[in-house]
C-alpha cells in the first residue's frame, strides 16, 4: 500500500507527508496481502479537509475494489 504526493500537489514536505498519512489511514481497511494499492494525490487534494478527502478516496476505492469486507 502506498500514497504518492508530488510537489505539484503540496509544495512543503510537511504538507506532503501530512496528506500521505491521511491517505494511508483512509486506505488501511482495503489493505490486503493479496493486492497492492497505490494512490496518487491530485492537485487540490491538500486543500481538502479529512471528511472530504475520505469521501472522495472511499468512493474511488469502492468503485475499483468493491465494498470493504
N, C-alpha and C. Protein backbone atom coordinates (compact mmCIF):
# COMPACT_ATOMS: atom_id res chain seq x y z
N UNK A 1 0.85 -1.16 0.00
CA UNK A 1 0.00 0.00 0.00
C UNK A 1 0.90 1.23 0.00
N UNK A 2 0.59 2.18 -0.86
CA UNK A 2 1.40 3.39 -0.95
C UNK A 2 0.54 4.58 -1.35
N UNK A 3 0.96 5.75 -0.90
CA UNK A 3 0.33 7.00 -1.29
C UNK A 3 1.43 7.90 -1.84
N UNK A 4 1.17 8.48 -3.00
CA UNK A 4 2.16 9.32 -3.66
C UNK A 4 1.62 10.74 -3.72
N UNK A 5 2.41 11.67 -3.19
CA UNK A 5 2.03 13.08 -3.19
C UNK A 5 3.21 13.86 -3.75
N UNK A 6 3.03 14.46 -4.92
CA UNK A 6 4.13 15.18 -5.57
C UNK A 6 4.20 16.62 -5.08
N UNK A 7 5.27 17.29 -5.47
CA UNK A 7 5.44 18.70 -5.10
C UNK A 7 4.42 19.60 -5.80
N UNK A 8 3.84 19.13 -6.89
CA UNK A 8 2.80 19.90 -7.55
C UNK A 8 1.53 19.95 -6.71
N UNK A 9 1.32 18.93 -5.89
CA UNK A 9 0.13 18.86 -5.05
C UNK A 9 0.33 19.65 -3.77
N UNK A 10 1.48 19.44 -3.11
CA UNK A 10 1.79 20.14 -1.86
C UNK A 10 3.27 20.51 -1.90
N UNK A 11 3.56 21.77 -1.91
CA UNK A 11 4.93 22.25 -2.08
C UNK A 11 5.83 21.88 -0.90
N UNK A 12 5.34 22.05 0.32
CA UNK A 12 6.15 21.79 1.51
C UNK A 12 6.13 20.32 1.88
N UNK A 13 7.27 19.80 2.30
CA UNK A 13 7.37 18.39 2.68
C UNK A 13 6.44 18.05 3.84
N UNK A 14 6.26 18.98 4.75
CA UNK A 14 5.37 18.75 5.89
C UNK A 14 3.94 18.50 5.41
N UNK A 15 3.48 19.28 4.45
CA UNK A 15 2.12 19.11 3.90
C UNK A 15 2.01 17.81 3.10
N UNK A 16 3.07 17.47 2.35
CA UNK A 16 3.04 16.22 1.58
C UNK A 16 2.94 15.01 2.52
N UNK A 17 3.74 15.00 3.57
CA UNK A 17 3.70 13.87 4.50
C UNK A 17 2.38 13.82 5.26
N UNK A 18 1.83 14.97 5.61
CA UNK A 18 0.54 15.03 6.29
C UNK A 18 -0.56 14.43 5.41
N UNK A 19 -0.58 14.82 4.14
CA UNK A 19 -1.57 14.29 3.21
C UNK A 19 -1.35 12.79 2.98
N UNK A 20 -0.11 12.37 2.88
CA UNK A 20 0.21 10.96 2.69
C UNK A 20 -0.28 10.13 3.88
N UNK A 21 -0.07 10.60 5.10
CA UNK A 21 -0.55 9.88 6.29
C UNK A 21 -2.07 9.78 6.31
N UNK A 22 -2.74 10.86 5.91
CA UNK A 22 -4.20 10.83 5.85
C UNK A 22 -4.69 9.80 4.83
N UNK A 23 -4.08 9.80 3.65
CA UNK A 23 -4.47 8.87 2.61
C UNK A 23 -4.25 7.42 3.04
N UNK A 24 -3.12 7.15 3.68
CA UNK A 24 -2.84 5.78 4.14
C UNK A 24 -3.83 5.34 5.21
N UNK A 25 -4.22 6.26 6.09
CA UNK A 25 -5.21 5.93 7.12
C UNK A 25 -6.56 5.57 6.50
N UNK A 26 -6.93 6.27 5.46
CA UNK A 26 -8.20 6.01 4.78
C UNK A 26 -8.14 4.68 4.02
N UNK A 27 -7.00 4.37 3.43
CA UNK A 27 -6.85 3.15 2.62
C UNK A 27 -6.66 1.89 3.46
N UNK A 28 -6.33 2.03 4.74
CA UNK A 28 -5.99 0.87 5.58
C UNK A 28 -7.04 -0.24 5.58
N UNK A 29 -8.35 0.04 5.64
CA UNK A 29 -9.33 -1.07 5.62
C UNK A 29 -9.32 -1.89 4.33
N UNK A 30 -8.85 -1.31 3.24
CA UNK A 30 -8.80 -2.03 1.97
C UNK A 30 -7.50 -2.81 1.78
N UNK A 31 -6.58 -2.66 2.70
CA UNK A 31 -5.28 -3.32 2.58
C UNK A 31 -5.43 -4.84 2.66
N UNK A 32 -4.73 -5.53 1.80
CA UNK A 32 -4.72 -6.99 1.78
C UNK A 32 -3.37 -7.44 1.24
N UNK A 33 -2.80 -8.51 1.80
CA UNK A 33 -1.54 -9.01 1.26
C UNK A 33 -1.67 -9.51 -0.18
N UNK A 34 -2.89 -9.77 -0.61
CA UNK A 34 -3.12 -10.32 -1.94
C UNK A 34 -3.11 -9.24 -3.04
N UNK A 35 -3.12 -7.96 -2.66
CA UNK A 35 -3.15 -6.92 -3.69
C UNK A 35 -2.31 -5.71 -3.25
N UNK A 36 -1.88 -4.97 -4.23
CA UNK A 36 -1.12 -3.75 -3.97
C UNK A 36 -2.00 -2.55 -4.29
N UNK A 37 -2.00 -1.58 -3.40
CA UNK A 37 -2.75 -0.35 -3.61
C UNK A 37 -1.77 0.81 -3.70
N UNK A 38 -1.91 1.61 -4.75
CA UNK A 38 -1.12 2.82 -4.90
C UNK A 38 -2.08 3.94 -5.27
N UNK A 39 -2.08 5.00 -4.48
CA UNK A 39 -2.95 6.15 -4.73
C UNK A 39 -2.10 7.37 -4.99
N UNK A 40 -2.40 8.09 -6.04
CA UNK A 40 -1.71 9.32 -6.40
C UNK A 40 -2.63 10.49 -6.08
N UNK A 41 -2.13 11.43 -5.30
CA UNK A 41 -2.91 12.62 -4.97
C UNK A 41 -2.94 13.56 -6.17
N UNK A 42 -4.08 14.14 -6.40
CA UNK A 42 -4.25 15.10 -7.49
C UNK A 42 -4.14 16.51 -6.95
N UNK A 43 -3.81 17.48 -7.81
CA UNK A 43 -3.77 18.87 -7.34
C UNK A 43 -5.11 19.26 -6.71
N UNK A 44 -5.04 19.92 -5.58
CA UNK A 44 -6.24 20.30 -4.85
C UNK A 44 -6.53 19.39 -3.68
N UNK A 45 -5.91 18.22 -3.64
CA UNK A 45 -6.16 17.28 -2.55
C UNK A 45 -5.68 17.83 -1.22
N UNK A 46 -4.62 18.61 -1.23
CA UNK A 46 -4.08 19.16 0.02
C UNK A 46 -5.03 20.17 0.65
N UNK A 47 -5.92 20.75 -0.15
CA UNK A 47 -6.85 21.75 0.36
C UNK A 47 -8.09 21.11 1.00
N UNK A 48 -8.30 19.82 0.80
CA UNK A 48 -9.48 19.15 1.35
C UNK A 48 -9.32 18.85 2.83
N UNK A 49 -10.42 18.97 3.57
CA UNK A 49 -10.38 18.54 4.96
C UNK A 49 -10.53 17.02 5.00
N UNK A 50 -10.32 16.42 6.17
CA UNK A 50 -10.30 14.96 6.26
C UNK A 50 -11.60 14.31 5.81
N UNK A 51 -12.78 14.79 6.25
CA UNK A 51 -14.02 14.13 5.80
C UNK A 51 -14.21 14.16 4.28
N UNK A 52 -13.86 15.26 3.64
CA UNK A 52 -14.00 15.37 2.18
C UNK A 52 -13.01 14.45 1.47
N UNK A 53 -11.77 14.41 1.97
CA UNK A 53 -10.76 13.52 1.39
C UNK A 53 -11.18 12.07 1.56
N UNK A 54 -11.69 11.73 2.73
CA UNK A 54 -12.13 10.36 2.99
C UNK A 54 -13.26 9.96 2.06
N UNK A 55 -14.22 10.84 1.87
CA UNK A 55 -15.35 10.55 0.99
C UNK A 55 -14.88 10.32 -0.45
N UNK A 56 -14.04 11.21 -0.95
CA UNK A 56 -13.54 11.08 -2.33
C UNK A 56 -12.75 9.78 -2.52
N UNK A 57 -11.82 9.51 -1.60
CA UNK A 57 -10.96 8.34 -1.74
C UNK A 57 -11.75 7.05 -1.56
N UNK A 58 -12.69 7.03 -0.62
CA UNK A 58 -13.50 5.83 -0.42
C UNK A 58 -14.40 5.56 -1.62
N UNK A 59 -14.94 6.61 -2.23
CA UNK A 59 -15.75 6.41 -3.44
C UNK A 59 -14.93 5.76 -4.54
N UNK A 60 -13.70 6.22 -4.71
CA UNK A 60 -12.83 5.64 -5.73
C UNK A 60 -12.47 4.18 -5.39
N UNK A 61 -12.18 3.91 -4.13
CA UNK A 61 -11.82 2.55 -3.73
C UNK A 61 -13.00 1.59 -3.88
N UNK A 62 -14.19 2.04 -3.51
CA UNK A 62 -15.38 1.19 -3.66
C UNK A 62 -15.63 0.91 -5.14
N UNK A 63 -15.46 1.93 -5.98
CA UNK A 63 -15.68 1.75 -7.42
C UNK A 63 -14.65 0.76 -8.01
N UNK A 64 -13.41 0.83 -7.53
CA UNK A 64 -12.36 -0.01 -8.08
C UNK A 64 -12.32 -1.40 -7.47
N UNK A 65 -12.57 -1.50 -6.16
CA UNK A 65 -12.38 -2.78 -5.46
C UNK A 65 -13.64 -3.38 -4.86
N UNK A 66 -14.70 -2.63 -4.80
CA UNK A 66 -15.91 -3.11 -4.15
C UNK A 66 -15.90 -2.73 -2.68
N UNK A 67 -16.90 -3.15 -1.98
CA UNK A 67 -17.04 -2.83 -0.56
C UNK A 67 -15.96 -3.50 0.28
N UNK A 68 -15.66 -2.87 1.42
CA UNK A 68 -14.72 -3.47 2.37
C UNK A 68 -15.39 -4.71 2.94
N UNK A 69 -14.66 -5.78 3.04
CA UNK A 69 -15.31 -6.96 3.58
C UNK A 69 -14.36 -8.00 3.83
